[in-house]
């Protein structure tokens, strides 16, 4: 029987390391599968398109009609989140936070300042041009 030039334990080490470095679970819309790449980015409120309790967001590159300020948020890799609120000078001010998946269609948001309680978005639909969601908490 020939001897292997390496130990099988060496193959196990990268698997253990990958499991220990697991990134937050990404949200998936079950009715219309969406990848994290579609969800990542900066989304601004298209409040003119809201209907009922459905909140509509569009990418920050969208040509919005004029308004006195737009709130929004950025979803970034590795669970990073930033909420954009209207600043005292009518611009936007970013508030850093984190996101984690809560089931297949929900994102749990935690703002690092601790001045606002955690809340949850339920993703209703998502494509490259529009994100529809409902704020659960």
N, C-alpha and C. Protein backbone atom coordinates (compact mmCIF):
# COMPACT_ATOMS: atom_id res chain seq x y z
N UNK A 1 0.85 -1.17 0.00
CA UNK A 1 0.00 0.00 0.00
C UNK A 1 0.90 1.24 0.00
N UNK A 2 0.64 2.14 -0.93
CA UNK A 2 1.49 3.34 -1.01
C UNK A 2 1.02 4.36 0.01
N UNK A 3 1.95 5.16 0.44
CA UNK A 3 1.66 6.17 1.43
C UNK A 3 1.30 7.48 0.73
N UNK A 4 0.22 8.13 1.18
CA UNK A 4 -0.18 9.41 0.59
C UNK A 4 0.83 10.48 0.98
N UNK A 5 1.12 11.42 0.06
CA UNK A 5 2.09 12.47 0.37
C UNK A 5 1.54 13.53 1.32
N UNK A 6 0.25 13.47 1.65
CA UNK A 6 -0.32 14.45 2.56
C UNK A 6 -1.33 13.77 3.46
N UNK A 7 -1.67 14.41 4.50
CA UNK A 7 -2.63 13.86 5.46
C UNK A 7 -4.06 14.23 5.05
N UNK A 8 -5.01 13.30 5.15
CA UNK A 8 -6.41 13.65 4.87
C UNK A 8 -6.92 14.75 5.79
N UNK A 9 -6.29 14.91 6.94
CA UNK A 9 -6.68 15.99 7.85
C UNK A 9 -6.45 17.36 7.22
N UNK A 10 -5.50 17.47 6.32
CA UNK A 10 -5.25 18.74 5.65
C UNK A 10 -6.44 19.14 4.77
N UNK A 11 -7.16 18.17 4.26
CA UNK A 11 -8.34 18.47 3.46
C UNK A 11 -9.49 18.98 4.33
N UNK A 12 -9.54 18.55 5.56
CA UNK A 12 -10.60 18.93 6.47
C UNK A 12 -10.44 20.37 6.97
N UNK A 13 -9.23 20.83 7.11
CA UNK A 13 -8.97 22.17 7.66
C UNK A 13 -9.68 23.28 6.88
N UNK A 14 -9.60 23.34 5.54
CA UNK A 14 -10.32 24.40 4.83
C UNK A 14 -11.83 24.33 5.01
N UNK A 15 -12.39 23.12 5.12
CA UNK A 15 -13.82 23.00 5.33
C UNK A 15 -14.23 23.54 6.69
N UNK A 16 -13.45 23.24 7.71
CA UNK A 16 -13.73 23.77 9.04
C UNK A 16 -13.60 25.28 9.08
N UNK A 17 -12.60 25.80 8.41
CA UNK A 17 -12.40 27.25 8.35
C UNK A 17 -13.56 27.92 7.63
N UNK A 18 -14.03 27.36 6.54
CA UNK A 18 -15.15 27.93 5.79
C UNK A 18 -16.41 27.93 6.64
N UNK A 19 -16.65 26.87 7.38
CA UNK A 19 -17.84 26.80 8.24
C UNK A 19 -17.76 27.83 9.36
N UNK A 20 -16.58 28.06 9.90
CA UNK A 20 -16.42 29.03 10.99
C UNK A 20 -16.59 30.45 10.49
N UNK A 21 -16.32 30.71 9.21
CA UNK A 21 -16.40 32.05 8.64
C UNK A 21 -17.70 32.26 7.86
N UNK A 22 -18.73 31.50 8.17
CA UNK A 22 -19.98 31.58 7.43
C UNK A 22 -20.52 33.00 7.48
N UNK A 23 -20.94 33.50 6.32
CA UNK A 23 -21.50 34.84 6.20
C UNK A 23 -22.99 34.78 6.54
N UNK A 24 -23.61 35.95 6.86
CA UNK A 24 -25.03 35.94 7.16
C UNK A 24 -25.83 35.36 5.99
N UNK A 25 -26.88 34.65 6.33
CA UNK A 25 -27.75 34.07 5.31
C UNK A 25 -28.39 35.19 4.50
N UNK A 26 -28.48 35.01 3.20
CA UNK A 26 -29.08 36.03 2.37
C UNK A 26 -30.57 35.78 2.23
N UNK A 27 -31.31 36.84 2.04
CA UNK A 27 -32.76 36.72 1.89
C UNK A 27 -33.10 36.25 0.49
N UNK A 28 -34.10 35.44 0.38
CA UNK A 28 -34.56 34.94 -0.91
C UNK A 28 -36.07 35.11 -0.95
N UNK A 29 -36.57 35.69 -2.02
CA UNK A 29 -38.01 35.81 -2.20
C UNK A 29 -38.50 34.52 -2.81
N UNK A 30 -39.31 33.77 -2.07
CA UNK A 30 -39.69 32.44 -2.55
C UNK A 30 -40.58 32.49 -3.77
N UNK A 31 -41.43 33.51 -3.93
CA UNK A 31 -42.30 33.58 -5.09
C UNK A 31 -41.54 33.98 -6.35
N UNK A 32 -40.44 34.67 -6.19
CA UNK A 32 -39.61 35.08 -7.31
C UNK A 32 -38.16 35.07 -6.83
N UNK A 33 -37.45 33.95 -6.99
CA UNK A 33 -36.11 33.83 -6.41
C UNK A 33 -35.22 35.02 -6.76
N UNK A 34 -34.58 35.54 -5.76
CA UNK A 34 -33.71 36.69 -5.95
C UNK A 34 -32.40 36.43 -5.23
N UNK A 35 -31.33 36.80 -5.83
CA UNK A 35 -30.03 36.59 -5.22
C UNK A 35 -29.63 37.83 -4.43
N UNK A 36 -28.64 37.66 -3.62
CA UNK A 36 -28.13 38.78 -2.83
C UNK A 36 -27.66 39.90 -3.73
N UNK A 37 -27.12 39.58 -4.92
CA UNK A 37 -26.65 40.63 -5.82
C UNK A 37 -27.78 41.59 -6.19
N UNK A 38 -29.00 41.08 -6.32
CA UNK A 38 -30.13 41.96 -6.65
C UNK A 38 -30.50 42.83 -5.46
N UNK A 39 -30.35 42.31 -4.26
CA UNK A 39 -30.75 43.04 -3.07
C UNK A 39 -29.69 44.06 -2.64
N UNK A 40 -28.43 43.74 -2.88
CA UNK A 40 -27.36 44.66 -2.49
C UNK A 40 -27.43 45.93 -3.30
N UNK A 41 -27.18 47.04 -2.63
CA UNK A 41 -27.16 48.33 -3.31
C UNK A 41 -27.86 49.37 -2.47
N UNK A 42 -27.99 50.57 -3.05
CA UNK A 42 -28.64 51.67 -2.37
C UNK A 42 -30.05 51.84 -2.94
N UNK A 43 -31.02 51.78 -2.06
CA UNK A 43 -32.43 51.87 -2.43
C UNK A 43 -33.03 53.12 -1.79
N UNK A 44 -33.73 53.91 -2.60
CA UNK A 44 -34.38 55.12 -2.10
C UNK A 44 -35.90 54.96 -2.21
N UNK A 45 -36.61 55.58 -1.27
CA UNK A 45 -38.06 55.46 -1.21
C UNK A 45 -38.70 56.13 -2.42
N UNK A 46 -39.55 55.39 -3.09
CA UNK A 46 -40.39 55.93 -4.17
C UNK A 46 -41.79 56.07 -3.59
N UNK A 47 -41.93 56.96 -2.60
CA UNK A 47 -43.16 57.04 -1.83
C UNK A 47 -44.38 57.35 -2.68
N UNK A 48 -44.17 57.91 -3.87
CA UNK A 48 -45.28 58.18 -4.77
C UNK A 48 -45.95 56.88 -5.24
N UNK A 49 -45.19 55.77 -5.17
CA UNK A 49 -45.69 54.48 -5.66
C UNK A 49 -46.17 53.56 -4.54
N UNK A 50 -46.05 53.98 -3.28
CA UNK A 50 -46.53 53.16 -2.16
C UNK A 50 -48.02 52.88 -2.33
N UNK A 51 -48.45 51.69 -1.91
CA UNK A 51 -49.87 51.35 -1.95
C UNK A 51 -50.18 50.46 -0.76
N UNK A 52 -51.22 50.85 -0.02
CA UNK A 52 -51.55 50.12 1.20
C UNK A 52 -50.37 50.15 2.16
N UNK A 53 -50.00 48.97 2.68
CA UNK A 53 -48.83 48.90 3.57
C UNK A 53 -47.57 48.47 2.81
N UNK A 54 -47.63 48.50 1.49
CA UNK A 54 -46.47 48.15 0.66
C UNK A 54 -45.62 49.39 0.40
N UNK A 55 -44.36 49.31 0.79
CA UNK A 55 -43.40 50.39 0.57
C UNK A 55 -42.59 50.07 -0.68
N UNK A 56 -42.43 51.06 -1.55
CA UNK A 56 -41.73 50.86 -2.81
C UNK A 56 -40.41 51.61 -2.78
N UNK A 57 -39.34 50.92 -3.18
CA UNK A 57 -38.00 51.49 -3.25
C UNK A 57 -37.44 51.24 -4.64
N UNK A 58 -36.63 52.18 -5.09
CA UNK A 58 -35.96 52.05 -6.38
C UNK A 58 -34.47 52.32 -6.19
N UNK A 59 -33.62 51.81 -7.09
CA UNK A 59 -32.17 52.08 -6.97
C UNK A 59 -31.90 53.58 -7.00
N UNK A 60 -30.83 53.98 -6.35
CA UNK A 60 -30.51 55.41 -6.29
C UNK A 60 -30.20 56.01 -7.66
N UNK A 61 -30.04 55.19 -8.67
CA UNK A 61 -29.78 55.69 -10.03
C UNK A 61 -31.07 56.00 -10.79
N UNK A 62 -32.21 55.68 -10.21
CA UNK A 62 -33.52 55.93 -10.85
C UNK A 62 -33.76 57.43 -10.96
N UNK A 63 -34.44 57.87 -12.02
CA UNK A 63 -34.80 59.29 -12.18
C UNK A 63 -36.11 59.53 -11.44
N UNK A 64 -35.97 60.00 -10.19
CA UNK A 64 -37.13 60.26 -9.35
C UNK A 64 -37.73 61.62 -9.68
N UNK A 65 -39.04 61.79 -9.49
CA UNK A 65 -39.62 63.13 -9.60
C UNK A 65 -39.14 63.99 -8.43
N UNK A 66 -39.16 65.31 -8.59
CA UNK A 66 -38.71 66.19 -7.49
C UNK A 66 -39.54 65.98 -6.23
N UNK A 67 -38.86 66.05 -5.09
CA UNK A 67 -39.51 65.93 -3.79
C UNK A 67 -38.61 66.58 -2.74
N UNK A 68 -39.16 66.84 -1.57
CA UNK A 68 -38.37 67.42 -0.48
C UNK A 68 -37.74 66.31 0.34
N UNK A 69 -36.80 65.61 -0.22
CA UNK A 69 -36.07 64.59 0.51
C UNK A 69 -36.62 63.19 0.30
N UNK A 70 -35.71 62.24 0.25
CA UNK A 70 -36.05 60.83 0.11
C UNK A 70 -35.24 60.03 1.11
N UNK A 71 -35.91 59.22 1.87
CA UNK A 71 -35.20 58.31 2.77
C UNK A 71 -34.83 57.06 1.99
N UNK A 72 -34.07 56.21 2.61
CA UNK A 72 -33.68 54.97 1.95
C UNK A 72 -32.71 54.18 2.80
N UNK A 73 -32.04 53.24 2.15
CA UNK A 73 -31.07 52.40 2.85
C UNK A 73 -30.14 51.76 1.84
N UNK A 74 -29.03 51.26 2.36
CA UNK A 74 -28.07 50.51 1.55
C UNK A 74 -27.87 49.15 2.21
N UNK A 75 -27.98 48.11 1.39
CA UNK A 75 -27.70 46.75 1.84
C UNK A 75 -26.37 46.37 1.24
N UNK A 76 -25.43 46.03 2.11
CA UNK A 76 -24.07 45.73 1.67
C UNK A 76 -23.70 44.30 2.05
N UNK A 77 -22.63 43.79 1.45
CA UNK A 77 -22.21 42.41 1.77
C UNK A 77 -21.86 42.23 3.24
N UNK A 78 -21.86 40.99 3.65
CA UNK A 78 -21.43 40.57 4.99
C UNK A 78 -22.27 41.19 6.10
N UNK A 79 -23.56 41.43 5.82
CA UNK A 79 -24.47 41.90 6.85
C UNK A 79 -24.38 43.38 7.19
N UNK A 80 -23.71 44.16 6.35
CA UNK A 80 -23.62 45.60 6.63
C UNK A 80 -24.85 46.32 6.06
N UNK A 81 -25.34 47.31 6.79
CA UNK A 81 -26.55 48.04 6.45
C UNK A 81 -26.35 49.51 6.78
N UNK A 82 -26.96 50.39 6.00
CA UNK A 82 -26.94 51.82 6.33
C UNK A 82 -28.31 52.39 6.01
N UNK A 83 -28.91 53.03 7.00
CA UNK A 83 -30.22 53.67 6.82
C UNK A 83 -29.98 55.14 6.53
N UNK A 84 -30.68 55.68 5.54
CA UNK A 84 -30.56 57.09 5.18
C UNK A 84 -31.80 57.83 5.61
N UNK A 85 -31.60 58.78 6.52
CA UNK A 85 -32.68 59.64 7.00
C UNK A 85 -32.43 61.06 6.52
N UNK A 86 -33.47 61.88 6.54
CA UNK A 86 -33.32 63.27 6.12
C UNK A 86 -32.61 64.03 7.23
N UNK A 87 -31.52 64.70 6.85
CA UNK A 87 -30.70 65.46 7.80
C UNK A 87 -31.34 66.82 8.07
N UNK A 88 -30.92 67.48 9.14
CA UNK A 88 -31.45 68.82 9.43
C UNK A 88 -31.24 69.81 8.28
N UNK A 89 -30.24 69.58 7.46
CA UNK A 89 -29.96 70.49 6.33
C UNK A 89 -30.64 70.02 5.04
N UNK A 90 -31.61 69.12 5.15
CA UNK A 90 -32.39 68.56 4.02
C UNK A 90 -31.61 67.58 3.16
N UNK A 91 -30.38 67.29 3.49
CA UNK A 91 -29.64 66.25 2.78
C UNK A 91 -29.95 64.90 3.44
N UNK A 92 -29.11 63.93 3.18
CA UNK A 92 -29.28 62.62 3.81
C UNK A 92 -28.18 62.38 4.83
N UNK A 93 -28.53 61.73 5.90
CA UNK A 93 -27.55 61.34 6.91
C UNK A 93 -27.62 59.82 7.04
N UNK A 94 -26.47 59.17 7.01
CA UNK A 94 -26.41 57.72 7.10
C UNK A 94 -26.29 57.25 8.54
N UNK A 95 -27.01 56.20 8.87
CA UNK A 95 -26.95 55.59 10.19
C UNK A 95 -26.55 54.13 10.00
N UNK A 96 -25.35 53.75 10.45
CA UNK A 96 -24.87 52.39 10.21
C UNK A 96 -25.60 51.35 11.04
N UNK A 97 -25.66 50.15 10.48
CA UNK A 97 -26.29 49.05 11.18
C UNK A 97 -25.91 47.72 10.54
N UNK A 98 -26.67 46.71 10.89
CA UNK A 98 -26.45 45.37 10.34
C UNK A 98 -27.78 44.79 9.90
N UNK A 99 -27.73 43.79 9.02
CA UNK A 99 -28.91 43.03 8.63
C UNK A 99 -28.61 41.56 8.76
N UNK A 100 -29.64 40.81 9.07
CA UNK A 100 -29.56 39.35 9.07
C UNK A 100 -30.86 38.81 8.49
N UNK A 101 -30.76 37.66 7.87
CA UNK A 101 -31.96 37.02 7.31
C UNK A 101 -32.80 36.47 8.45
N UNK A 102 -34.09 36.61 8.32
CA UNK A 102 -35.06 36.08 9.28
C UNK A 102 -36.06 35.27 8.46
N UNK A 103 -35.72 34.04 8.17
CA UNK A 103 -36.53 33.22 7.26
C UNK A 103 -36.12 33.48 5.82
N UNK A 104 -37.00 33.11 4.90
CA UNK A 104 -36.67 33.22 3.48
C UNK A 104 -36.96 34.59 2.88
N UNK A 105 -37.85 35.37 3.48
CA UNK A 105 -38.26 36.63 2.86
C UNK A 105 -38.13 37.84 3.77
N UNK A 106 -37.48 37.67 4.90
CA UNK A 106 -37.41 38.80 5.85
C UNK A 106 -35.97 39.17 6.17
N UNK A 107 -35.75 40.47 6.35
CA UNK A 107 -34.47 41.00 6.80
C UNK A 107 -34.68 41.69 8.13
N UNK A 108 -33.90 41.30 9.11
CA UNK A 108 -33.94 41.93 10.44
C UNK A 108 -32.87 43.01 10.46
N UNK A 109 -33.28 44.24 10.78
CA UNK A 109 -32.38 45.40 10.76
C UNK A 109 -32.07 45.83 12.19
N UNK A 110 -30.78 46.04 12.44
CA UNK A 110 -30.32 46.54 13.74
C UNK A 110 -29.44 47.74 13.48
N UNK A 111 -29.85 48.92 13.99
CA UNK A 111 -29.02 50.12 13.86
C UNK A 111 -28.07 50.19 15.04
N UNK A 112 -26.81 50.48 14.76
CA UNK A 112 -25.76 50.40 15.78
C UNK A 112 -25.89 51.45 16.87
N UNK A 113 -26.52 52.58 16.58
CA UNK A 113 -26.65 53.64 17.58
C UNK A 113 -27.52 53.22 18.76
N UNK A 114 -28.44 52.29 18.53
CA UNK A 114 -29.32 51.83 19.59
C UNK A 114 -30.43 52.81 19.93
N UNK A 115 -30.59 53.90 19.15
CA UNK A 115 -31.63 54.88 19.43
C UNK A 115 -32.98 54.46 18.86
N UNK A 116 -32.98 53.48 17.99
CA UNK A 116 -34.21 53.00 17.38
C UNK A 116 -34.27 51.49 17.57
N UNK A 117 -35.43 50.95 17.93
CA UNK A 117 -35.50 49.49 18.10
C UNK A 117 -35.29 48.76 16.78
N UNK A 118 -34.87 47.51 16.86
CA UNK A 118 -34.71 46.70 15.67
C UNK A 118 -36.06 46.61 14.95
N UNK A 119 -36.00 46.43 13.64
CA UNK A 119 -37.22 46.24 12.87
C UNK A 119 -36.96 45.22 11.77
N UNK A 120 -38.04 44.77 11.14
CA UNK A 120 -37.96 43.72 10.12
C UNK A 120 -38.66 44.17 8.85
N UNK A 121 -38.01 43.92 7.72
CA UNK A 121 -38.61 44.13 6.40
C UNK A 121 -39.03 42.77 5.86
N UNK A 122 -40.24 42.68 5.34
CA UNK A 122 -40.66 41.50 4.59
C UNK A 122 -40.60 41.86 3.13
N UNK A 123 -39.80 41.13 2.36
CA UNK A 123 -39.63 41.42 0.94
C UNK A 123 -40.80 40.79 0.19
N UNK A 124 -41.57 41.64 -0.51
CA UNK A 124 -42.73 41.19 -1.26
C UNK A 124 -42.37 40.89 -2.71
N UNK A 125 -41.55 41.75 -3.32
CA UNK A 125 -41.07 41.51 -4.68
C UNK A 125 -39.76 42.27 -4.88
N UNK A 126 -38.97 41.75 -5.81
CA UNK A 126 -37.65 42.32 -6.05
C UNK A 126 -37.21 42.04 -7.47
N UNK A 127 -36.80 43.09 -8.16
CA UNK A 127 -36.09 42.94 -9.42
C UNK A 127 -35.08 44.07 -9.50
N UNK A 128 -34.41 44.23 -10.60
CA UNK A 128 -33.34 45.22 -10.70
C UNK A 128 -33.84 46.66 -10.57
N UNK A 129 -35.12 46.90 -10.87
CA UNK A 129 -35.63 48.26 -10.90
C UNK A 129 -36.55 48.63 -9.75
N UNK A 130 -37.03 47.67 -9.01
CA UNK A 130 -37.98 47.98 -7.93
C UNK A 130 -37.91 46.92 -6.83
N UNK A 131 -38.01 47.41 -5.60
CA UNK A 131 -38.06 46.56 -4.41
C UNK A 131 -39.32 46.95 -3.65
N UNK A 132 -40.20 45.99 -3.44
CA UNK A 132 -41.40 46.22 -2.66
C UNK A 132 -41.30 45.44 -1.36
N UNK A 133 -41.58 46.13 -0.26
CA UNK A 133 -41.49 45.47 1.03
C UNK A 133 -42.53 46.01 1.98
N UNK A 134 -42.64 45.32 3.08
CA UNK A 134 -43.54 45.71 4.16
C UNK A 134 -42.72 45.73 5.43
N UNK A 135 -42.89 46.78 6.21
CA UNK A 135 -42.19 46.84 7.50
C UNK A 135 -43.02 46.10 8.52
N UNK A 136 -42.44 45.04 9.10
CA UNK A 136 -43.17 44.16 10.01
C UNK A 136 -43.14 44.70 11.43
N UNK A 137 -41.98 45.09 11.91
CA UNK A 137 -41.86 45.62 13.28
C UNK A 137 -41.15 46.94 13.24
